[in-house]
């Protein structure tokens, strides 16, 4: 039922599908191969991510690969805490298309 609700919302669902771009050394190197990395909700599917990127950035998506990183238990100053679980999407763009993640939407 949640998928039907997302379709009904229209453009707002696209903004909820992409949380933030991941800007790291590894994602910067991937940008040379027409790839962009985004943080997404744990429930987002590859098709939803593809639709959101194509609608928001007006580009053509070639492929979407996703990965889930489980939350880890860490310690800071002796106090334990848990990092939240994260889902990342590596979006490969068609030749001739590009996204500048530093400018924003």
PDB file of N, CA and C in Angstrom:
ATOM      1  N   UNK A   1       0.811  -1.187   0.000  1.00  0.00           N
ATOM      2  CA  UNK A   1       0.000   0.000   0.000  1.00  0.00           C
ATOM      3  C   UNK A   1       0.854   1.250   0.000  1.00  0.00           C
ATOM      4  N   UNK A   2       2.033   1.215   0.601  1.00  0.00           N
ATOM      5  CA  UNK A   2       2.877   2.400   0.656  1.00  0.00           C
ATOM      6  C   UNK A   2       3.354   2.819  -0.731  1.00  0.00           C
ATOM      7  N   UNK A   3       3.512   1.853  -1.652  1.00  0.00           N
ATOM      8  CA  UNK A   3       3.930   2.195  -3.002  1.00  0.00           C
ATOM      9  C   UNK A   3       2.848   2.987  -3.721  1.00  0.00           C
ATOM     10  N   UNK A   4       1.576   2.658  -3.473  1.00  0.00           N
ATOM     11  CA  UNK A   4       0.484   3.392  -4.085  1.00  0.00           C
ATOM     12  C   UNK A   4       0.433   4.812  -3.550  1.00  0.00           C
ATOM     13  N   UNK A   5       0.718   4.985  -2.277  1.00  0.00           N
ATOM     14  CA  UNK A   5       0.723   6.315  -1.677  1.00  0.00           C
ATOM     15  C   UNK A   5       1.834   7.157  -2.276  1.00  0.00           C
ATOM     16  N   UNK A   6       3.022   6.576  -2.474  1.00  0.00           N
ATOM     17  CA  UNK A   6       4.142   7.317  -3.042  1.00  0.00           C
ATOM     18  C   UNK A   6       3.840   7.780  -4.462  1.00  0.00           C
ATOM     19  N   UNK A   7       3.175   6.939  -5.260  1.00  0.00           N
ATOM     20  CA  UNK A   7       2.842   7.327  -6.620  1.00  0.00           C
ATOM     21  C   UNK A   7       1.841   8.465  -6.618  1.00  0.00           C
ATOM     22  N   UNK A   8       0.915   8.466  -5.660  1.00  0.00           N
ATOM     23  CA  UNK A   8      -0.106   9.500  -5.600  1.00  0.00           C
ATOM     24  C   UNK A   8       0.490  10.854  -5.233  1.00  0.00           C
ATOM     25  N   UNK A   9       1.563  10.866  -4.437  1.00  0.00           N
ATOM     26  CA  UNK A   9       2.157  12.126  -4.003  1.00  0.00           C
ATOM     27  C   UNK A   9       2.840  12.862  -5.141  1.00  0.00           C
ATOM     28  N   UNK A  10       3.330  12.151  -6.144  1.00  0.00           N
ATOM     29  CA  UNK A  10       3.964  12.800  -7.292  1.00  0.00           C
ATOM     30  C   UNK A  10       5.389  13.211  -7.013  1.00  0.00           C
ATOM     31  N   UNK A  11       5.707  14.485  -7.269  1.00  0.00           N
ATOM     32  CA  UNK A  11       7.063  14.989  -7.184  1.00  0.00           C
ATOM     33  C   UNK A  11       7.670  14.954  -5.796  1.00  0.00           C
ATOM     34  N   UNK A  12       6.838  15.062  -4.776  1.00  0.00           N
ATOM     35  CA  UNK A  12       7.363  15.065  -3.413  1.00  0.00           C
ATOM     36  C   UNK A  12       8.006  13.729  -3.057  1.00  0.00           C
ATOM     37  N   UNK A  13       7.504  12.650  -3.622  1.00  0.00           N
ATOM     38  CA  UNK A  13       8.071  11.329  -3.351  1.00  0.00           C
ATOM     39  C   UNK A  13       9.501  11.240  -3.863  1.00  0.00           C
ATOM     40  N   UNK A  14       9.822  11.946  -4.952  1.00  0.00           N
ATOM     41  CA  UNK A  14      11.179  11.930  -5.487  1.00  0.00           C
ATOM     42  C   UNK A  14      12.154  12.571  -4.505  1.00  0.00           C
ATOM     43  N   UNK A  15      11.728  13.641  -3.844  1.00  0.00           N
ATOM     44  CA  UNK A  15      12.595  14.295  -2.865  1.00  0.00           C
ATOM     45  C   UNK A  15      12.799  13.413  -1.636  1.00  0.00           C
ATOM     46  N   UNK A  16      11.807  12.579  -1.304  1.00  0.00           N
ATOM     47  CA  UNK A  16      11.931  11.675  -0.157  1.00  0.00           C
ATOM     48  C   UNK A  16      12.765  10.450  -0.494  1.00  0.00           C
ATOM     49  N   UNK A  17      12.928  10.132  -1.784  1.00  0.00           N
ATOM     50  CA  UNK A  17      13.687   8.957  -2.190  1.00  0.00           C
ATOM     51  C   UNK A  17      15.188   9.206  -2.090  1.00  0.00           C
ATOM     52  N   UNK A  18      15.641  10.409  -2.406  1.00  0.00           N
ATOM     53  CA  UNK A  18      17.071  10.745  -2.328  1.00  0.00           C
ATOM     54  C   UNK A  18      17.297  11.617  -1.107  1.00  0.00           C
ATOM     55  N   UNK A  19      17.989  11.077  -0.106  1.00  0.00           N
ATOM     56  CA  UNK A  19      18.213  11.837   1.125  1.00  0.00           C
ATOM     57  C   UNK A  19      19.325  12.862   0.934  1.00  0.00           C
ATOM     58  N   UNK A  20      20.482  12.398   0.463  1.00  0.00           N
ATOM     59  CA  UNK A  20      21.624  13.300   0.301  1.00  0.00           C
ATOM     60  C   UNK A  20      22.667  12.641  -0.585  1.00  0.00           C
ATOM     61  N   UNK A  21      23.470  13.441  -1.278  1.00  0.00           N
ATOM     62  CA  UNK A  21      24.587  12.845  -2.013  1.00  0.00           C
ATOM     63  C   UNK A  21      25.700  12.456  -1.048  1.00  0.00           C
ATOM     64  N   UNK A  22      26.428  11.413  -1.387  1.00  0.00           N
ATOM     65  CA  UNK A  22      27.574  10.984  -0.586  1.00  0.00           C
ATOM     66  C   UNK A  22      28.813  11.583  -1.234  1.00  0.00           C
ATOM     67  N   UNK A  23      29.502  12.441  -0.499  1.00  0.00           N
ATOM     68  CA  UNK A  23      30.687  13.102  -1.039  1.00  0.00           C
ATOM     69  C   UNK A  23      31.893  12.616  -0.248  1.00  0.00           C
ATOM     70  N   UNK A  24      32.561  11.621  -0.805  1.00  0.00           N
ATOM     71  CA  UNK A  24      33.765  11.058  -0.201  1.00  0.00           C
ATOM     72  C   UNK A  24      34.818  10.947  -1.302  1.00  0.00           C
ATOM     73  N   UNK A  25      35.998  10.537  -0.911  1.00  0.00           N
ATOM     74  CA  UNK A  25      37.061  10.362  -1.893  1.00  0.00           C
ATOM     75  C   UNK A  25      36.684   9.283  -2.906  1.00  0.00           C
ATOM     76  N   UNK A  26      36.092   8.208  -2.425  1.00  0.00           N
ATOM     77  CA  UNK A  26      35.706   7.114  -3.311  1.00  0.00           C
ATOM     78  C   UNK A  26      34.590   7.531  -4.274  1.00  0.00           C
ATOM     79  N   UNK A  27      33.610   8.287  -3.803  1.00  0.00           N
ATOM     80  CA  UNK A  27      32.530   8.719  -4.693  1.00  0.00           C
ATOM     81  C   UNK A  27      33.011   9.768  -5.695  1.00  0.00           C
ATOM     82  N   UNK A  28      34.023  10.542  -5.335  1.00  0.00           N
ATOM     83  CA  UNK A  28      34.596  11.513  -6.265  1.00  0.00           C
ATOM     84  C   UNK A  28      35.323  10.797  -7.394  1.00  0.00           C
ATOM     85  N   UNK A  29      36.016   9.714  -7.079  1.00  0.00           N
ATOM     86  CA  UNK A  29      36.684   8.920  -8.111  1.00  0.00           C
ATOM     87  C   UNK A  29      35.644   8.251  -9.011  1.00  0.00           C
ATOM     88  N   UNK A  30      34.529   7.802  -8.422  1.00  0.00           N
ATOM     89  CA  UNK A  30      33.465   7.175  -9.207  1.00  0.00           C
ATOM     90  C   UNK A  30      32.815   8.174 -10.160  1.00  0.00           C
ATOM     91  N   UNK A  31      32.842   9.462  -9.820  1.00  0.00           N
ATOM     92  CA  UNK A  31      32.249  10.487 -10.675  1.00  0.00           C
ATOM     93  C   UNK A  31      32.958  10.575 -12.024  1.00  0.00           C
ATOM     94  N   UNK A  32      34.206  10.149 -12.086  1.00  0.00           N
ATOM     95  CA  UNK A  32      34.934  10.143 -13.356  1.00  0.00           C
ATOM     96  C   UNK A  32      34.367   9.099 -14.315  1.00  0.00           C
ATOM     97  N   UNK A  33      33.656   8.102 -13.784  1.00  0.00           N
ATOM     98  CA  UNK A  33      33.039   7.042 -14.590  1.00  0.00           C
ATOM     99  C   UNK A  33      31.536   7.245 -14.740  1.00  0.00           C
ATOM    100  N   UNK A  34      31.065   8.499 -14.668  1.00  0.00           N
ATOM    101  CA  UNK A  34      29.637   8.835 -14.763  1.00  0.00           C
ATOM    102  C   UNK A  34      28.805   8.158 -13.678  1.00  0.00           C
ATOM    103  N   UNK A  35      29.333   8.064 -12.461  1.00  0.00           N
ATOM    104  CA  UNK A  35      28.587   7.488 -11.352  1.00  0.00           C
ATOM    105  C   UNK A  35      28.417   8.524 -10.243  1.00  0.00           C
ATOM    106  N   UNK A  36      27.230   8.514  -9.625  1.00  0.00           N
ATOM    107  CA  UNK A  36      26.925   9.411  -8.517  1.00  0.00           C
ATOM    108  C   UNK A  36      26.374   8.548  -7.391  1.00  0.00           C
ATOM    109  N   UNK A  37      26.744   8.864  -6.129  1.00  0.00           N
ATOM    110  CA  UNK A  37      26.324   8.070  -4.980  1.00  0.00           C
ATOM    111  C   UNK A  37      25.375   8.902  -4.122  1.00  0.00           C
ATOM    112  N   UNK A  38      24.228   8.300  -3.750  1.00  0.00           N
ATOM    113  CA  UNK A  38      23.236   8.963  -2.912  1.00  0.00           C
ATOM    114  C   UNK A  38      22.903   8.101  -1.714  1.00  0.00           C
ATOM    115  N   UNK A  39      22.570   8.739  -0.562  1.00  0.00           N
ATOM    116  CA  UNK A  39      21.970   8.035   0.571  1.00  0.00           C
ATOM    117  C   UNK A  39      20.479   7.980   0.300  1.00  0.00           C
ATOM    118  N   UNK A  40      19.872   6.827   0.579  1.00  0.00           N
ATOM    119  CA  UNK A  40      18.450   6.638   0.330  1.00  0.00           C
ATOM    120  C   UNK A  40      17.798   5.983   1.545  1.00  0.00           C
ATOM    121  N   UNK A  41      16.471   6.018   1.633  1.00  0.00           N
ATOM    122  CA  UNK A  41      15.803   5.289   2.714  1.00  0.00           C
ATOM    123  C   UNK A  41      16.001   3.784   2.550  1.00  0.00           C
ATOM    124  N   UNK A  42      15.930   3.060   3.638  1.00  0.00           N
ATOM    125  CA  UNK A  42      16.130   1.612   3.596  1.00  0.00           C
ATOM    126  C   UNK A  42      15.062   0.908   2.765  1.00  0.00           C
ATOM    127  N   UNK A  43      13.911   1.542   2.588  1.00  0.00           N
ATOM    128  CA  UNK A  43      12.800   0.917   1.861  1.00  0.00           C
ATOM    129  C   UNK A  43      12.785   1.253   0.374  1.00  0.00           C
ATOM    130  N   UNK A  44      13.676   2.124  -0.094  1.00  0.00           N
ATOM    131  CA  UNK A  44      13.670   2.546  -1.498  1.00  0.00           C
ATOM    132  C   UNK A  44      14.122   1.408  -2.411  1.00  0.00           C
ATOM    133  N   UNK A  45      13.452   1.278  -3.555  1.00  0.00           N
ATOM    134  CA  UNK A  45      13.816   0.255  -4.528  1.00  0.00           C
ATOM    135  C   UNK A  45      14.645   0.884  -5.645  1.00  0.00           C
ATOM    136  N   UNK A  46      15.279   0.034  -6.460  1.00  0.00           N
ATOM    137  CA  UNK A  46      16.088   0.538  -7.568  1.00  0.00           C
ATOM    138  C   UNK A  46      15.244   1.319  -8.569  1.00  0.00           C
ATOM    139  N   UNK A  47      14.040   0.863  -8.835  1.00  0.00           N
ATOM    140  CA  UNK A  47      13.165   1.548  -9.783  1.00  0.00           C
ATOM    141  C   UNK A  47      12.775   2.931  -9.261  1.00  0.00           C
ATOM    142  N   UNK A  48      12.470   3.038  -7.978  1.00  0.00           N
ATOM    143  CA  UNK A  48      12.118   4.335  -7.382  1.00  0.00           C
ATOM    144  C   UNK A  48      13.303   5.290  -7.432  1.00  0.00           C
ATOM    145  N   UNK A  49      14.492   4.782  -7.164  1.00  0.00           N
ATOM    146  CA  UNK A  49      15.696   5.620  -7.186  1.00  0.00           C
ATOM    147  C   UNK A  49      15.953   6.118  -8.602  1.00  0.00           C
ATOM    148  N   UNK A  50      15.814   5.241  -9.588  1.00  0.00           N
ATOM    149  CA  UNK A  50      16.018   5.622 -10.985  1.00  0.00           C
ATOM    150  C   UNK A  50      15.026   6.701 -11.393  1.00  0.00           C
ATOM    151  N   UNK A  51      13.743   6.531 -11.060  1.00  0.00           N
ATOM    152  CA  UNK A  51      12.724   7.519 -11.407  1.00  0.00           C
ATOM    153  C   UNK A  51      13.013   8.864 -10.747  1.00  0.00           C
ATOM    154  N   UNK A  52      13.455   8.841  -9.491  1.00  0.00           N
ATOM    155  CA  UNK A  52      13.723  10.081  -8.765  1.00  0.00           C
ATOM    156  C   UNK A  52      14.896  10.844  -9.373  1.00  0.00           C
ATOM    157  N   UNK A  53      15.974  10.142  -9.705  1.00  0.00           N
ATOM    158  CA  UNK A  53      17.150  10.803 -10.286  1.00  0.00           C
ATOM    159  C   UNK A  53      16.807  11.385 -11.659  1.00  0.00           C
ATOM    160  N   UNK A  54      16.082  10.619 -12.482  1.00  0.00           N
ATOM    161  CA  UNK A  54      15.727  11.111 -13.810  1.00  0.00           C
ATOM    162  C   UNK A  54      14.792  12.307 -13.725  1.00  0.00           C
ATOM    163  N   UNK A  55      13.852  12.313 -12.774  1.00  0.00           N
ATOM    164  CA  UNK A  55      12.900  13.414 -12.656  1.00  0.00           C
ATOM    165  C   UNK A  55      13.538  14.671 -12.065  1.00  0.00           C
ATOM    166  N   UNK A  56      14.364  14.516 -11.046  1.00  0.00           N
ATOM    167  CA  UNK A  56      14.914  15.685 -10.356  1.00  0.00           C
ATOM    168  C   UNK A  56      16.073  16.337 -11.105  1.00  0.00           C
ATOM    169  N   UNK A  57      16.923  15.534 -11.752  1.00  0.00           N
ATOM    170  CA  UNK A  57      18.127  16.078 -12.377  1.00  0.00           C
ATOM    171  C   UNK A  57      18.042  16.131 -13.896  1.00  0.00           C
ATOM    172  N   UNK A  58      16.949  15.621 -14.490  1.00  0.00           N
ATOM    173  CA  UNK A  58      16.749  15.644 -15.948  1.00  0.00           C
ATOM    174  C   UNK A  58      17.909  14.971 -16.679  1.00  0.00           C
ATOM    175  N   UNK A  59      18.277  13.782 -16.231  1.00  0.00           N
ATOM    176  CA  UNK A  59      19.348  12.987 -16.849  1.00  0.00           C
ATOM    177  C   UNK A  59      18.809  11.604 -17.166  1.00  0.00           C
ATOM    178  N   UNK A  60      19.562  10.834 -17.948  1.00  0.00           N
ATOM    179  CA  UNK A  60      19.203   9.462 -18.296  1.00  0.00           C
ATOM    180  C   UNK A  60      20.057   8.509 -17.468  1.00  0.00           C
ATOM    181  N   UNK A  61      19.419   7.600 -16.733  1.00  0.00           N
ATOM    182  CA  UNK A  61      20.119   6.662 -15.855  1.00  0.00           C
ATOM    183  C   UNK A  61      20.334   5.349 -16.592  1.00  0.00           C
ATOM    184  N   UNK A  62      21.570   4.864 -16.547  1.00  0.00           N
ATOM    185  CA  UNK A  62      21.918   3.589 -17.181  1.00  0.00           C
ATOM    186  C   UNK A  62      21.666   2.427 -16.235  1.00  0.00           C
ATOM    187  N   UNK A  63      22.101   2.539 -14.962  1.00  0.00           N
ATOM    188  CA  UNK A  63      21.942   1.458 -13.990  1.00  0.00           C
ATOM    189  C   UNK A  63      21.952   2.025 -12.573  1.00  0.00           C
ATOM    190  N   UNK A  64      21.358   1.247 -11.663  1.00  0.00           N
ATOM    191  CA  UNK A  64      21.356   1.601 -10.246  1.00  0.00           C
ATOM    192  C   UNK A  64      21.806   0.377  -9.460  1.00  0.00           C
ATOM    193  N   UNK A  65      22.842   0.532  -8.657  1.00  0.00           N
ATOM    194  CA  UNK A  65      23.306  -0.515  -7.751  1.00  0.00           C
ATOM    195  C   UNK A  65      23.119  -0.005  -6.326  1.00  0.00           C
ATOM    196  N   UNK A  66      22.621  -0.868  -5.445  1.00  0.00           N
ATOM    197  CA  UNK A  66      22.387  -0.453  -4.067  1.00  0.00           C
ATOM    198  C   UNK A  66      23.184  -1.315  -3.108  1.00  0.00           C
ATOM    199  N   UNK A  67      23.439  -0.760  -1.922  1.00  0.00           N
ATOM    200  CA  UNK A  67      24.093  -1.518  -0.860  1.00  0.00           C
ATOM    201  C   UNK A  67      23.553  -1.043   0.472  1.00  0.00           C
ATOM    202  N   UNK A  68      23.479  -1.976   1.408  1.00  0.00           N
ATOM    203  CA  UNK A  68      23.007  -1.676   2.757  1.00  0.00           C
ATOM    204  C   UNK A  68      24.144  -1.906   3.731  1.00  0.00           C
ATOM    205  N   UNK A  69      24.443  -0.906   4.532  1.00  0.00           N
ATOM    206  CA  UNK A  69      25.461  -1.034   5.578  1.00  0.00           C
ATOM    207  C   UNK A  69      24.735  -1.118   6.920  1.00  0.00           C
ATOM    208  N   UNK A  70      24.954  -2.202   7.646  1.00  0.00           N
ATOM    209  CA  UNK A  70      24.309  -2.371   8.941  1.00  0.00           C
ATOM    210  C   UNK A  70      24.874  -1.372   9.937  1.00  0.00           C
ATOM    211  N   UNK A  71      24.049  -0.978  10.896  1.00  0.00           N
ATOM    212  CA  UNK A  71      24.505  -0.084  11.947  1.00  0.00           C
ATOM    213  C   UNK A  71      25.501  -0.776  12.860  1.00  0.00           C
ATOM    214  N   UNK A  72      26.512  -0.054  13.256  1.00  0.00           N
ATOM    215  CA  UNK A  72      27.547  -0.626  14.117  1.00  0.00           C
ATOM    216  C   UNK A  72      27.417  -0.080  15.532  1.00  0.00           C
ATOM    217  N   UNK A  73      27.840  -0.879  16.502  1.00  0.00           N
ATOM    218  CA  UNK A  73      27.932  -0.398  17.872  1.00  0.00           C
ATOM    219  C   UNK A  73      29.326   0.170  18.070  1.00  0.00           C
ATOM    220  N   UNK A  74      29.397   1.433  18.442  1.00  0.00           N
ATOM    221  CA  UNK A  74      30.669   2.135  18.617  1.00  0.00           C
ATOM    222  C   UNK A  74      30.725   2.711  20.030  1.00  0.00           C
ATOM    223  N   UNK A  75      31.880   3.271  20.366  1.00  0.00           N
ATOM    224  CA  UNK A  75      32.048   3.924  21.660  1.00  0.00           C
ATOM    225  C   UNK A  75      32.641   5.309  21.456  1.00  0.00           C
ATOM    226  N   UNK A  76      32.129   6.276  22.210  1.00  0.00           N
ATOM    227  CA  UNK A  76      32.679   7.622  22.217  1.00  0.00           C
ATOM    228  C   UNK A  76      32.840   8.040  23.665  1.00  0.00           C
ATOM    229  N   UNK A  77      34.087   8.282  24.072  1.00  0.00           N
ATOM    230  CA  UNK A  77      34.420   8.631  25.455  1.00  0.00           C
ATOM    231  C   UNK A  77      33.878   7.592  26.431  1.00  0.00           C
ATOM    232  N   UNK A  78      33.959   6.324  26.029  1.00  0.00           N
ATOM    233  CA  UNK A  78      33.556   5.239  26.900  1.00  0.00           C
ATOM    234  C   UNK A  78      32.073   4.913  26.869  1.00  0.00           C
ATOM    235  N   UNK A  79      31.286   5.741  26.207  1.00  0.00           N
ATOM    236  CA  UNK A  79      29.838   5.509  26.168  1.00  0.00           C
ATOM    237  C   UNK A  79      29.458   4.846  24.848  1.00  0.00           C
ATOM    238  N   UNK A  80      28.747   3.733  24.909  1.00  0.00           N
ATOM    239  CA  UNK A  80      28.353   3.051  23.666  1.00  0.00           C
ATOM    240  C   UNK A  80      27.187   3.757  22.974  1.00  0.00           C
ATOM    241  N   UNK A  81      27.185   3.699  21.681  1.00  0.00           N
ATOM    242  CA  UNK A  81      26.071   4.183  20.879  1.00  0.00           C
ATOM    243  C   UNK A  81      26.024   3.338  19.610  1.00  0.00           C
ATOM    244  N   UNK A  82      24.938   3.434  18.873  1.00  0.00           N
ATOM    245  CA  UNK A  82      24.770   2.644  17.662  1.00  0.00           C
ATOM    246  C   UNK A  82      24.608   3.564  16.467  1.00  0.00           C
ATOM    247  N   UNK A  83      25.441   3.350  15.458  1.00  0.00           N
ATOM    248  CA  UNK A  83      25.272   4.063  14.193  1.00  0.00           C
ATOM    249  C   UNK A  83      24.026   3.522  13.512  1.00  0.00           C
ATOM    250  N   UNK A  84      23.333   4.373  12.790  1.00  0.00           N
ATOM    251  CA  UNK A  84      22.129   3.914  12.113  1.00  0.00           C
ATOM    252  C   UNK A  84      22.493   3.167  10.838  1.00  0.00           C
ATOM    253  N   UNK A  85      21.620   2.259  10.432  1.00  0.00           N
ATOM    254  CA  UNK A  85      21.814   1.527   9.186  1.00  0.00           C
ATOM    255  C   UNK A  85      21.606   2.483   8.018  1.00  0.00           C
ATOM    256  N   UNK A  86      22.355   2.279   6.939  1.00  0.00           N
ATOM    257  CA  UNK A  86      22.339   3.195   5.808  1.00  0.00           C
ATOM    258  C   UNK A  86      22.189   2.397   4.517  1.00  0.00           C
ATOM    259  N   UNK A  87      21.437   2.939   3.574  1.00  0.00           N
ATOM    260  CA  UNK A  87      21.360   2.361   2.238  1.00  0.00           C
ATOM    261  C   UNK A  87      21.926   3.394   1.276  1.00  0.00           C
ATOM    262  N   UNK A  88      22.847   2.959   0.423  1.00  0.00           N
ATOM    263  CA  UNK A  88      23.441   3.840  -0.575  1.00  0.00           C
ATOM    264  C   UNK A  88      23.073   3.339  -1.953  1.00  0.00           C
ATOM    265  N   UNK A  89      22.933   4.271  -2.870  1.00  0.00           N
ATOM    266  CA  UNK A  89      22.638   3.925  -4.259  1.00  0.00           C
ATOM    267  C   UNK A  89      23.736   4.503  -5.139  1.00  0.00           C
ATOM    268  N   UNK A  90      24.380   3.638  -5.921  1.00  0.00           N
ATOM    269  CA  UNK A  90      25.378   4.073  -6.894  1.00  0.00           C
ATOM    270  C   UNK A  90      24.667   4.131  -8.241  1.00  0.00           C
ATOM    271  N   UNK A  91      24.460   5.358  -8.735  1.00  0.00           N
ATOM    272  CA  UNK A  91      23.700   5.582  -9.966  1.00  0.00           C
ATOM    273  C   UNK A  91      24.678   5.813 -11.107  1.00  0.00           C
ATOM    274  N   UNK A  92      24.615   4.973 -12.134  1.00  0.00           N
ATOM    275  CA  UNK A  92      25.452   5.128 -13.320  1.00  0.00           C
ATOM    276  C   UNK A  92      24.642   5.856 -14.371  1.00  0.00           C
ATOM    277  N   UNK A  93      25.197   6.949 -14.892  1.00  0.00           N
ATOM    278  CA  UNK A  93      24.504   7.768 -15.885  1.00  0.00           C
ATOM    279  C   UNK A  93      24.933   7.394 -17.295  1.00  0.00           C
ATOM    280  N   UNK A  94      24.057   7.660 -18.260  1.00  0.00           N
ATOM    281  CA  UNK A  94      24.379   7.436 -19.667  1.00  0.00           C
ATOM    282  C   UNK A  94      25.485   8.407 -20.090  1.00  0.00           C
ATOM    283  N   UNK A  95      26.183   8.059 -21.172  1.00  0.00           N
ATOM    284  CA  UNK A  95      27.233   8.930 -21.704  1.00  0.00           C
ATOM    285  C   UNK A  95      26.641  10.282 -22.086  1.00  0.00           C
ATOM    286  N   UNK A  96      27.353  11.342 -21.777  1.00  0.00           N
ATOM    287  CA  UNK A  96      26.899  12.694 -22.106  1.00  0.00           C
ATOM    288  C   UNK A  96      26.060  13.347 -21.026  1.00  0.00           C
ATOM    289  N   UNK A  97      25.657  12.604 -20.003  1.00  0.00           N
ATOM    290  CA  UNK A  97      24.876  13.158 -18.906  1.00  0.00           C
ATOM    291  C   UNK A  97      25.764  13.302 -17.674  1.00  0.00           C
ATOM    292  N   UNK A  98      25.484  14.329 -16.865  1.00  0.00           N
ATOM    293  CA  UNK A  98      26.273  14.576 -15.653  1.00  0.00           C
ATOM    294  C   UNK A  98      25.417  15.255 -14.607  1.00  0.00           C
ATOM    295  N   UNK A  99      25.779  15.054 -13.347  1.00  0.00           N
ATOM    296  CA  UNK A  99      25.124  15.708 -12.220  1.00  0.00           C
ATOM    297  C   UNK A  99      26.198  16.401 -11.397  1.00  0.00           C
ATOM    298  N   UNK A 100      25.998  17.677 -11.087  1.00  0.00           N
ATOM    299  CA  UNK A 100      26.921  18.393 -10.212  1.00  0.00           C
ATOM    300  C   UNK A 100      26.289  18.423  -8.822  1.00  0.00           C
ATOM    301  N   UNK A 101      26.707  17.522  -7.938  1.00  0.00           N
ATOM    302  CA  UNK A 101      26.091  17.395  -6.616  1.00  0.00           C
ATOM    303  C   UNK A 101      26.468  18.545  -5.682  1.00  0.00           C
ATOM    304  N   UNK A 102      27.470  19.320  -6.015  1.00  0.00           N
ATOM    305  CA  UNK A 102      27.887  20.410  -5.135  1.00  0.00           C
ATOM    306  C   UNK A 102      26.951  21.606  -5.226  1.00  0.00           C
ATOM    307  N   UNK A 103      26.184  21.744  -6.303  1.00  0.00           N
ATOM    308  CA  UNK A 103      25.301  22.901  -6.456  1.00  0.00           C
ATOM    309  C   UNK A 103      23.950  22.698  -5.796  1.00  0.00           C
ATOM    310  N   UNK A 104      23.521  21.461  -5.619  1.00  0.00           N
ATOM    311  CA  UNK A 104      22.216  21.197  -5.006  1.00  0.00           C
ATOM    312  C   UNK A 104      21.101  21.274  -6.015  1.00  0.00           C
ATOM    313  N   UNK A 105      19.853  21.220  -5.510  1.00  0.00           N
ATOM    314  CA  UNK A 105      18.693  21.247  -6.408  1.00  0.00           C
ATOM    315  C   UNK A 105      18.191  22.653  -6.569  1.00  0.00           C
TER     316      UNK A 105
END
